[in-house]
PDB file of N, CA and C in Angstrom:
ATOM      1  N   MET A   1       0.818  -1.195   0.000  1.00  0.00           N
ATOM      2  CA  MET A   1       0.000   0.000   0.000  1.00  0.00           C
ATOM      3  C   MET A   1       0.863   1.260   0.000  1.00  0.00           C
ATOM      4  N   CYS A   2       2.016   1.195   0.660  1.00  0.00           N
ATOM      5  CA  CYS A   2       2.908   2.358   0.709  1.00  0.00           C
ATOM      6  C   CYS A   2       3.402   2.722  -0.689  1.00  0.00           C
ATOM      7  N   VAL A   3       3.826   1.721  -1.444  1.00  0.00           N
ATOM      8  CA  VAL A   3       4.346   1.956  -2.796  1.00  0.00           C
ATOM      9  C   VAL A   3       3.234   2.487  -3.695  1.00  0.00           C
ATOM     10  N   GLU A   4       2.041   1.960  -3.537  1.00  0.00           N
ATOM     11  CA  GLU A   4       0.901   2.439  -4.323  1.00  0.00           C
ATOM     12  C   GLU A   4       0.622   3.913  -4.007  1.00  0.00           C
ATOM     13  N   ALA A   5       0.671   4.284  -2.737  1.00  0.00           N
ATOM     14  CA  ALA A   5       0.443   5.678  -2.350  1.00  0.00           C
ATOM     15  C   ALA A   5       1.514   6.589  -2.947  1.00  0.00           C
ATOM     16  N   PHE A   6       2.764   6.147  -2.942  1.00  0.00           N
ATOM     17  CA  PHE A   6       3.868   6.915  -3.539  1.00  0.00           C
ATOM     18  C   PHE A   6       3.586   7.164  -5.020  1.00  0.00           C
ATOM     19  N   SER A   7       3.111   6.132  -5.711  1.00  0.00           N
ATOM     20  CA  SER A   7       2.773   6.267  -7.133  1.00  0.00           C
ATOM     21  C   SER A   7       1.615   7.227  -7.340  1.00  0.00           C
ATOM     22  N   LEU A   8       0.592   7.098  -6.513  1.00  0.00           N
ATOM     23  CA  LEU A   8      -0.586   7.954  -6.652  1.00  0.00           C
ATOM     24  C   LEU A   8      -0.263   9.426  -6.422  1.00  0.00           C
ATOM     25  N   CYS A   9       0.821   9.707  -5.721  1.00  0.00           N
ATOM     26  CA  CYS A   9       1.248  11.095  -5.499  1.00  0.00           C
ATOM     27  C   CYS A   9       1.961  11.678  -6.714  1.00  0.00           C
ATOM     28  N   GLY A  10       2.178  10.859  -7.753  1.00  0.00           N
ATOM     29  CA  GLY A  10       2.745  11.364  -9.001  1.00  0.00           C
ATOM     30  C   GLY A  10       4.247  11.193  -9.155  1.00  0.00           C
ATOM     31  N   PHE A  11       4.863  10.348  -8.334  1.00  0.00           N
ATOM     32  CA  PHE A  11       6.311  10.170  -8.407  1.00  0.00           C
ATOM     33  C   PHE A  11       6.737   9.133  -9.446  1.00  0.00           C
ATOM     34  N   GLY A  12       5.790   8.435 -10.035  1.00  0.00           N
ATOM     35  CA  GLY A  12       6.072   7.406 -11.029  1.00  0.00           C
ATOM     36  C   GLY A  12       5.179   6.197 -10.778  1.00  0.00           C
ATOM     37  N   ASP A  13       5.210   5.275 -11.704  1.00  0.00           N
ATOM     38  CA  ASP A  13       4.390   4.061 -11.589  1.00  0.00           C
ATOM     39  C   ASP A  13       5.197   2.968 -10.881  1.00  0.00           C
ATOM     40  N   PHE A  14       5.434   3.141  -9.593  1.00  0.00           N
ATOM     41  CA  PHE A  14       6.214   2.187  -8.808  1.00  0.00           C
ATOM     42  C   PHE A  14       5.380   0.935  -8.559  1.00  0.00           C
ATOM     43  N   GLN A  15       6.004  -0.228  -8.765  1.00  0.00           N
ATOM     44  CA  GLN A  15       5.317  -1.511  -8.601  1.00  0.00           C
ATOM     45  C   GLN A  15       6.224  -2.478  -7.852  1.00  0.00           C
ATOM     46  N   VAL A  16       5.649  -3.200  -6.899  1.00  0.00           N
ATOM     47  CA  VAL A  16       6.406  -4.213  -6.173  1.00  0.00           C
ATOM     48  C   VAL A  16       6.511  -5.444  -7.068  1.00  0.00           C
ATOM     49  N   LYS A  17       7.739  -5.783  -7.468  1.00  0.00           N
ATOM     50  CA  LYS A  17       7.961  -6.973  -8.301  1.00  0.00           C
ATOM     51  C   LYS A  17       8.039  -8.217  -7.429  1.00  0.00           C
ATOM     52  N   GLY A  18       8.682  -8.093  -6.278  1.00  0.00           N
ATOM     53  CA  GLY A  18       8.810  -9.216  -5.363  1.00  0.00           C
ATOM     54  C   GLY A  18       9.015  -8.719  -3.953  1.00  0.00           C
ATOM     55  N   MET A  19       8.548  -9.510  -2.980  1.00  0.00           N
ATOM     56  CA  MET A  19       8.674  -9.109  -1.584  1.00  0.00           C
ATOM     57  C   MET A  19       8.835 -10.352  -0.723  1.00  0.00           C
ATOM     58  N   ASP A  20       9.853 -10.328   0.125  1.00  0.00           N
ATOM     59  CA  ASP A  20      10.017 -11.333   1.180  1.00  0.00           C
ATOM     60  C   ASP A  20       9.977 -10.542   2.475  1.00  0.00           C
ATOM     61  N   TYR A  21       8.790 -10.357   3.009  1.00  0.00           N
ATOM     62  CA  TYR A  21       8.599  -9.491   4.168  1.00  0.00           C
ATOM     63  C   TYR A  21       9.370 -10.002   5.377  1.00  0.00           C
ATOM     64  N   ALA A  22       9.362 -11.310   5.584  1.00  0.00           N
ATOM     65  CA  ALA A  22      10.068 -11.884   6.739  1.00  0.00           C
ATOM     66  C   ALA A  22      11.563 -11.561   6.691  1.00  0.00           C
ATOM     67  N   ALA A  23      12.156 -11.634   5.519  1.00  0.00           N
ATOM     68  CA  ALA A  23      13.585 -11.343   5.363  1.00  0.00           C
ATOM     69  C   ALA A  23      13.852  -9.843   5.205  1.00  0.00           C
ATOM     70  N   GLY A  24      12.802  -9.067   4.984  1.00  0.00           N
ATOM     71  CA  GLY A  24      12.978  -7.637   4.801  1.00  0.00           C
ATOM     72  C   GLY A  24      13.584  -7.266   3.466  1.00  0.00           C
ATOM     73  N   ARG A  25      13.243  -8.009   2.414  1.00  0.00           N
ATOM     74  CA  ARG A  25      13.779  -7.724   1.074  1.00  0.00           C
ATOM     75  C   ARG A  25      12.613  -7.436   0.132  1.00  0.00           C
ATOM     76  N   ALA A  26      12.827  -6.462  -0.737  1.00  0.00           N
ATOM     77  CA  ALA A  26      11.804  -6.129  -1.726  1.00  0.00           C
ATOM     78  C   ALA A  26      12.483  -5.662  -3.006  1.00  0.00           C
ATOM     79  N   GLU A  27      11.856  -5.957  -4.132  1.00  0.00           N
ATOM     80  CA  GLU A  27      12.294  -5.422  -5.411  1.00  0.00           C
ATOM     81  C   GLU A  27      11.143  -4.597  -5.963  1.00  0.00           C
ATOM     82  N   ILE A  28      11.449  -3.361  -6.322  1.00  0.00           N
ATOM     83  CA  ILE A  28      10.439  -2.428  -6.790  1.00  0.00           C
ATOM     84  C   ILE A  28      10.891  -1.860  -8.127  1.00  0.00           C
ATOM     85  N   LEU A  29       9.989  -1.875  -9.087  1.00  0.00           N
ATOM     86  CA  LEU A  29      10.270  -1.389 -10.442  1.00  0.00           C
ATOM     87  C   LEU A  29       9.499  -0.104 -10.704  1.00  0.00           C
ATOM     88  N   CYS A  30      10.037   0.711 -11.589  1.00  0.00           N
ATOM     89  CA  CYS A  30       9.323   1.912 -12.009  1.00  0.00           C
ATOM     90  C   CYS A  30       9.758   2.284 -13.420  1.00  0.00           C
ATOM     91  N   PRO A  31       8.839   2.244 -14.383  1.00  0.00           N
ATOM     92  CA  PRO A  31       9.185   2.579 -15.763  1.00  0.00           C
ATOM     93  C   PRO A  31       9.222   4.083 -16.043  1.00  0.00           C
ATOM     94  N   ASP A  32       8.873   4.897 -15.042  1.00  0.00           N
ATOM     95  CA  ASP A  32       8.793   6.345 -15.303  1.00  0.00           C
ATOM     96  C   ASP A  32       9.057   7.170 -14.042  1.00  0.00           C
ATOM     97  N   ALA A  33      10.118   6.856 -13.314  1.00  0.00           N
ATOM     98  CA  ALA A  33      10.438   7.591 -12.090  1.00  0.00           C
ATOM     99  C   ALA A  33      10.678   9.067 -12.397  1.00  0.00           C
ATOM    100  N   PHE A  34      10.126   9.939 -11.580  1.00  0.00           N
ATOM    101  CA  PHE A  34      10.207  11.373 -11.867  1.00  0.00           C
ATOM    102  C   PHE A  34      11.638  11.886 -11.881  1.00  0.00           C
ATOM    103  N   GLU A  35      12.521  11.351 -11.041  1.00  0.00           N
ATOM    104  CA  GLU A  35      13.899  11.841 -11.015  1.00  0.00           C
ATOM    105  C   GLU A  35      14.642  11.482 -12.300  1.00  0.00           C
ATOM    106  N   ALA A  36      14.454  10.262 -12.777  1.00  0.00           N
ATOM    107  CA  ALA A  36      15.083   9.850 -14.033  1.00  0.00           C
ATOM    108  C   ALA A  36      14.528  10.679 -15.193  1.00  0.00           C
ATOM    109  N   TRP A  37      13.217  10.876 -15.197  1.00  0.00           N
ATOM    110  CA  TRP A  37      12.586  11.682 -16.241  1.00  0.00           C
ATOM    111  C   TRP A  37      13.182  13.088 -16.245  1.00  0.00           C
ATOM    112  N   ALA A  38      13.291  13.703 -15.064  1.00  0.00           N
ATOM    113  CA  ALA A  38      13.818  15.063 -14.977  1.00  0.00           C
ATOM    114  C   ALA A  38      15.261  15.121 -15.474  1.00  0.00           C
ATOM    115  N   PHE A  39      16.064  14.122 -15.118  1.00  0.00           N
ATOM    116  CA  PHE A  39      17.452  14.096 -15.572  1.00  0.00           C
ATOM    117  C   PHE A  39      17.509  13.999 -17.093  1.00  0.00           C
ATOM    118  N   LEU A  40      16.676  13.140 -17.670  1.00  0.00           N
ATOM    119  CA  LEU A  40      16.696  12.942 -19.120  1.00  0.00           C
ATOM    120  C   LEU A  40      16.252  14.167 -19.899  1.00  0.00           C
ATOM    121  N   GLN A  41      15.561  15.092 -19.240  1.00  0.00           N
ATOM    122  CA  GLN A  41      15.169  16.330 -19.915  1.00  0.00           C
ATOM    123  C   GLN A  41      16.386  17.176 -20.260  1.00  0.00           C
ATOM    124  N   GLN A  42      17.530  16.882 -19.634  1.00  0.00           N
ATOM    125  CA  GLN A  42      18.779  17.580 -19.939  1.00  0.00           C
ATOM    126  C   GLN A  42      19.440  17.007 -21.188  1.00  0.00           C
ATOM    127  N   GLU A  43      18.840  15.944 -21.753  1.00  0.00           N
ATOM    128  CA  GLU A  43      19.279  15.315 -23.001  1.00  0.00           C
ATOM    129  C   GLU A  43      20.690  14.738 -22.935  1.00  0.00           C
ATOM    130  N   GLU A  44      21.013  14.131 -21.789  1.00  0.00           N
ATOM    131  CA  GLU A  44      22.271  13.398 -21.685  1.00  0.00           C
ATOM    132  C   GLU A  44      22.069  12.260 -20.691  1.00  0.00           C
ATOM    133  N   ALA A  45      22.819  11.196 -20.863  1.00  0.00           N
ATOM    134  CA  ALA A  45      22.702  10.036 -19.978  1.00  0.00           C
ATOM    135  C   ALA A  45      23.589  10.237 -18.750  1.00  0.00           C
ATOM    136  N   SER A  46      23.148   9.676 -17.654  1.00  0.00           N
ATOM    137  CA  SER A  46      23.910   9.730 -16.409  1.00  0.00           C
ATOM    138  C   SER A  46      24.898   8.574 -16.349  1.00  0.00           C
ATOM    139  N   GLN A  47      25.974   8.744 -15.616  1.00  0.00           N
ATOM    140  CA  GLN A  47      26.932   7.666 -15.387  1.00  0.00           C
ATOM    141  C   GLN A  47      26.430   6.709 -14.302  1.00  0.00           C
ATOM    142  N   GLY A  48      25.517   7.160 -13.464  1.00  0.00           N
ATOM    143  CA  GLY A  48      25.013   6.336 -12.363  1.00  0.00           C
ATOM    144  C   GLY A  48      23.540   6.576 -12.134  1.00  0.00           C
ATOM    145  N   ALA A  49      22.996   5.838 -11.204  1.00  0.00           N
ATOM    146  CA  ALA A  49      21.588   5.981 -10.841  1.00  0.00           C
ATOM    147  C   ALA A  49      21.350   7.353 -10.202  1.00  0.00           C
ATOM    148  N   VAL A  50      20.185   7.938 -10.454  1.00  0.00           N
ATOM    149  CA  VAL A  50      19.907   9.292  -9.976  1.00  0.00           C
ATOM    150  C   VAL A  50      18.703   9.396  -9.043  1.00  0.00           C
ATOM    151  N   CYS A  51      17.984   8.337  -8.828  1.00  0.00           N
ATOM    152  CA  CYS A  51      16.706   8.405  -8.110  1.00  0.00           C
ATOM    153  C   CYS A  51      16.881   8.312  -6.594  1.00  0.00           C
ATOM    154  N   ARG A  52      17.629   9.249  -6.048  1.00  0.00           N
ATOM    155  CA  ARG A  52      17.966   9.212  -4.621  1.00  0.00           C
ATOM    156  C   ARG A  52      16.767   9.499  -3.715  1.00  0.00           C
ATOM    157  N   TYR A  53      15.875  10.355  -4.133  1.00  0.00           N
ATOM    158  CA  TYR A  53      14.682  10.614  -3.326  1.00  0.00           C
ATOM    159  C   TYR A  53      13.860   9.334  -3.207  1.00  0.00           C
ATOM    160  N   ALA A  54      13.685   8.634  -4.327  1.00  0.00           N
ATOM    161  CA  ALA A  54      12.936   7.371  -4.306  1.00  0.00           C
ATOM    162  C   ALA A  54      13.630   6.346  -3.411  1.00  0.00           C
ATOM    163  N   TRP A  55      14.971   6.289  -3.453  1.00  0.00           N
ATOM    164  CA  TRP A  55      15.708   5.361  -2.568  1.00  0.00           C
ATOM    165  C   TRP A  55      15.300   5.616  -1.127  1.00  0.00           C
ATOM    166  N   GLY A  56      15.356   6.867  -0.727  1.00  0.00           N
ATOM    167  CA  GLY A  56      15.049   7.223   0.659  1.00  0.00           C
ATOM    168  C   GLY A  56      13.629   6.892   1.046  1.00  0.00           C
ATOM    169  N   VAL A  57      12.693   7.181   0.162  1.00  0.00           N
ATOM    170  CA  VAL A  57      11.287   6.886   0.459  1.00  0.00           C
ATOM    171  C   VAL A  57      11.072   5.385   0.597  1.00  0.00           C
ATOM    172  N   LEU A  58      11.618   4.609  -0.330  1.00  0.00           N
ATOM    173  CA  LEU A  58      11.432   3.154  -0.284  1.00  0.00           C
ATOM    174  C   LEU A  58      12.069   2.555   0.977  1.00  0.00           C
ATOM    175  N   CYS A  59      13.247   3.036   1.363  1.00  0.00           N
ATOM    176  CA  CYS A  59      13.875   2.579   2.609  1.00  0.00           C
ATOM    177  C   CYS A  59      13.015   2.959   3.809  1.00  0.00           C
ATOM    178  N   SER A  60      12.493   4.152   3.799  1.00  0.00           N
ATOM    179  CA  SER A  60      11.679   4.618   4.923  1.00  0.00           C
ATOM    180  C   SER A  60      10.429   3.773   5.113  1.00  0.00           C
ATOM    181  N   PHE A  61       9.820   3.369   4.011  1.00  0.00           N
ATOM    182  CA  PHE A  61       8.650   2.495   4.140  1.00  0.00           C
ATOM    183  C   PHE A  61       9.008   1.246   4.924  1.00  0.00           C
ATOM    184  N   MET A  62      10.102   0.595   4.537  1.00  0.00           N
ATOM    185  CA  MET A  62      10.490  -0.653   5.191  1.00  0.00           C
ATOM    186  C   MET A  62      10.982  -0.392   6.610  1.00  0.00           C
ATOM    187  N   ASP A  63      11.701   0.725   6.817  1.00  0.00           N
ATOM    188  CA  ASP A  63      12.154   1.080   8.173  1.00  0.00           C
ATOM    189  C   ASP A  63      10.971   1.115   9.144  1.00  0.00           C
ATOM    190  N   VAL A  64       9.920   1.788   8.723  1.00  0.00           N
ATOM    191  CA  VAL A  64       8.751   1.957   9.582  1.00  0.00           C
ATOM    192  C   VAL A  64       7.995   0.637   9.740  1.00  0.00           C
ATOM    193  N   LEU A  65       7.800  -0.080   8.656  1.00  0.00           N
ATOM    194  CA  LEU A  65       7.034  -1.335   8.721  1.00  0.00           C
ATOM    195  C   LEU A  65       7.732  -2.411   9.537  1.00  0.00           C
ATOM    196  N   LYS A  66       9.050  -2.498   9.411  1.00  0.00           N
ATOM    197  CA  LYS A  66       9.811  -3.557  10.091  1.00  0.00           C
ATOM    198  C   LYS A  66      10.513  -3.073  11.362  1.00  0.00           C
ATOM    199  N   ARG A  67      10.475  -1.768  11.610  1.00  0.00           N
ATOM    200  CA  ARG A  67      11.131  -1.181  12.787  1.00  0.00           C
ATOM    201  C   ARG A  67      12.605  -1.575  12.870  1.00  0.00           C
ATOM    202  N   ALA A  68      13.275  -1.392  11.757  1.00  0.00           N
ATOM    203  CA  ALA A  68      14.702  -1.680  11.628  1.00  0.00           C
ATOM    204  C   ALA A  68      15.261  -0.714  10.581  1.00  0.00           C
ATOM    205  N   VAL A  69      16.556  -0.790  10.345  1.00  0.00           N
ATOM    206  CA  VAL A  69      17.199   0.096   9.373  1.00  0.00           C
ATOM    207  C   VAL A  69      17.442  -0.684   8.081  1.00  0.00           C
ATOM    208  N   PHE A  70      17.080  -0.067   6.970  1.00  0.00           N
ATOM    209  CA  PHE A  70      17.207  -0.698   5.662  1.00  0.00           C
ATOM    210  C   PHE A  70      18.036   0.153   4.723  1.00  0.00           C
ATOM    211  N   GLU A  71      18.528  -0.489   3.691  1.00  0.00           N
ATOM    212  CA  GLU A  71      19.254   0.185   2.625  1.00  0.00           C
ATOM    213  C   GLU A  71      18.497  -0.048   1.325  1.00  0.00           C
ATOM    214  N   CYS A  72      18.817   0.754   0.339  1.00  0.00           N
ATOM    215  CA  CYS A  72      18.196   0.619  -0.969  1.00  0.00           C
ATOM    216  C   CYS A  72      19.269   0.856  -2.022  1.00  0.00           C
ATOM    217  N   LYS A  73      19.251   0.048  -3.054  1.00  0.00           N
ATOM    218  CA  LYS A  73      20.136   0.245  -4.204  1.00  0.00           C
ATOM    219  C   LYS A  73      19.278   0.292  -5.457  1.00  0.00           C
ATOM    220  N   GLU A  74      19.633   1.197  -6.324  1.00  0.00           N
ATOM    221  CA  GLU A  74      18.977   1.267  -7.621  1.00  0.00           C
ATOM    222  C   GLU A  74      19.896   0.545  -8.603  1.00  0.00           C
ATOM    223  N   ILE A  75      19.493  -0.659  -9.001  1.00  0.00           N
ATOM    224  CA  ILE A  75      20.368  -1.477  -9.843  1.00  0.00           C
ATOM    225  C   ILE A  75      20.201  -1.172 -11.327  1.00  0.00           C
ATOM    226  N   CYS A  76      19.100  -0.571 -11.697  1.00  0.00           N
ATOM    227  CA  CYS A  76      18.872  -0.101 -13.067  1.00  0.00           C
ATOM    228  C   CYS A  76      18.243   1.284 -12.958  1.00  0.00           C
ATOM    229  N   CYS A  77      18.576   2.156 -13.890  1.00  0.00           N
ATOM    230  CA  CYS A  77      18.014   3.511 -13.859  1.00  0.00           C
ATOM    231  C   CYS A  77      17.812   3.998 -15.295  1.00  0.00           C
ATOM    232  N   GLU A  78      16.639   4.523 -15.539  1.00  0.00           N
ATOM    233  CA  GLU A  78      16.341   5.063 -16.873  1.00  0.00           C
ATOM    234  C   GLU A  78      17.317   6.172 -17.263  1.00  0.00           C
ATOM    235  N   ALA A  79      17.783   6.931 -16.280  1.00  0.00           N
ATOM    236  CA  ALA A  79      18.701   8.024 -16.582  1.00  0.00           C
ATOM    237  C   ALA A  79      20.034   7.518 -17.134  1.00  0.00           C
ATOM    238  N   LYS A  80      20.381   6.253 -16.860  1.00  0.00           N
ATOM    239  CA  LYS A  80      21.607   5.650 -17.394  1.00  0.00           C
ATOM    240  C   LYS A  80      21.360   4.998 -18.745  1.00  0.00           C
ATOM    241  N   GLY A  81      20.095   4.964 -19.169  1.00  0.00           N
ATOM    242  CA  GLY A  81      19.764   4.317 -20.430  1.00  0.00           C
ATOM    243  C   GLY A  81      19.095   2.974 -20.253  1.00  0.00           C
ATOM    244  N   ASP A  82      18.887   2.548 -18.993  1.00  0.00           N
ATOM    245  CA  ASP A  82      18.170   1.295 -18.746  1.00  0.00           C
ATOM    246  C   ASP A  82      16.694   1.478 -19.086  1.00  0.00           C
ATOM    247  N   GLY A  83      15.997   0.407 -19.320  1.00  0.00           N
ATOM    248  CA  GLY A  83      14.590   0.460 -19.710  1.00  0.00           C
ATOM    249  C   GLY A  83      13.660   0.943 -18.619  1.00  0.00           C
ATOM    250  N   GLN A  84      14.054   0.772 -17.374  1.00  0.00           N
ATOM    251  CA  GLN A  84      13.248   1.227 -16.244  1.00  0.00           C
ATOM    252  C   GLN A  84      14.147   1.304 -15.018  1.00  0.00           C
ATOM    253  N   CYS A  85      13.628   1.883 -13.959  1.00  0.00           N
ATOM    254  CA  CYS A  85      14.355   1.936 -12.696  1.00  0.00           C
ATOM    255  C   CYS A  85      13.991   0.685 -11.888  1.00  0.00           C
ATOM    256  N   ASP A  86      14.975   0.086 -11.263  1.00  0.00           N
ATOM    257  CA  ASP A  86      14.795  -1.146 -10.495  1.00  0.00           C
ATOM    258  C   ASP A  86      15.520  -0.986  -9.163  1.00  0.00           C
ATOM    259  N   PHE A  87      14.765  -1.075  -8.079  1.00  0.00           N
ATOM    260  CA  PHE A  87      15.287  -0.847  -6.737  1.00  0.00           C
ATOM    261  C   PHE A  87      15.232  -2.143  -5.931  1.00  0.00           C
ATOM    262  N   ILE A  88      16.262  -2.363  -5.116  1.00  0.00           N
ATOM    263  CA  ILE A  88      16.289  -3.473  -4.176  1.00  0.00           C
ATOM    264  C   ILE A  88      16.386  -2.863  -2.780  1.00  0.00           C
ATOM    265  N   VAL A  89      15.463  -3.239  -1.886  1.00  0.00           N
ATOM    266  CA  VAL A  89      15.489  -2.812  -0.494  1.00  0.00           C
ATOM    267  C   VAL A  89      15.865  -4.017   0.352  1.00  0.00           C
ATOM    268  N   PHE A  90      16.790  -3.821   1.299  1.00  0.00           N
ATOM    269  CA  PHE A  90      17.287  -4.938   2.092  1.00  0.00           C
ATOM    270  C   PHE A  90      17.758  -4.420   3.458  1.00  0.00           C
ATOM    271  N   PRO A  91      17.868  -5.315   4.448  1.00  0.00           N
ATOM    272  CA  PRO A  91      18.307  -4.877   5.783  1.00  0.00           C
ATOM    273  C   PRO A  91      19.734  -4.320   5.735  1.00  0.00           C
ATOM    274  N   ALA A  92      19.955  -3.259   6.500  1.00  0.00           N
ATOM    275  CA  ALA A  92      21.296  -2.668   6.602  1.00  0.00           C
ATOM    276  C   ALA A  92      22.194  -3.621   7.386  1.00  0.00           C
ATOM    277  N   THR A  93      23.456  -3.620   7.033  1.00  0.00           N
ATOM    278  CA  THR A  93      24.399  -4.479   7.745  1.00  0.00           C
ATOM    279  C   THR A  93      25.235  -3.705   8.726  1.00  0.00           C
TER     280      THR A  93
END
């Protein structure tokens, strides 16, 4: 529900691809993240992932739900030329 609410606020069409709630791992995809879109308006590709606001929001959802600290990595990003943004959320070490 958290990811759906984030999408409904206009940040992109974020979708949970997979979730292991017990382990605290989630994979979330977005074909139109607002940060990647904004970067691409500059008409150049990024060397790395740019969706840092989304990283923080996705980590915060899991932090609150699991009452622990989580990390997020964007393994694919439209701003780098990937087809969509792909985030992995996992427990912090």
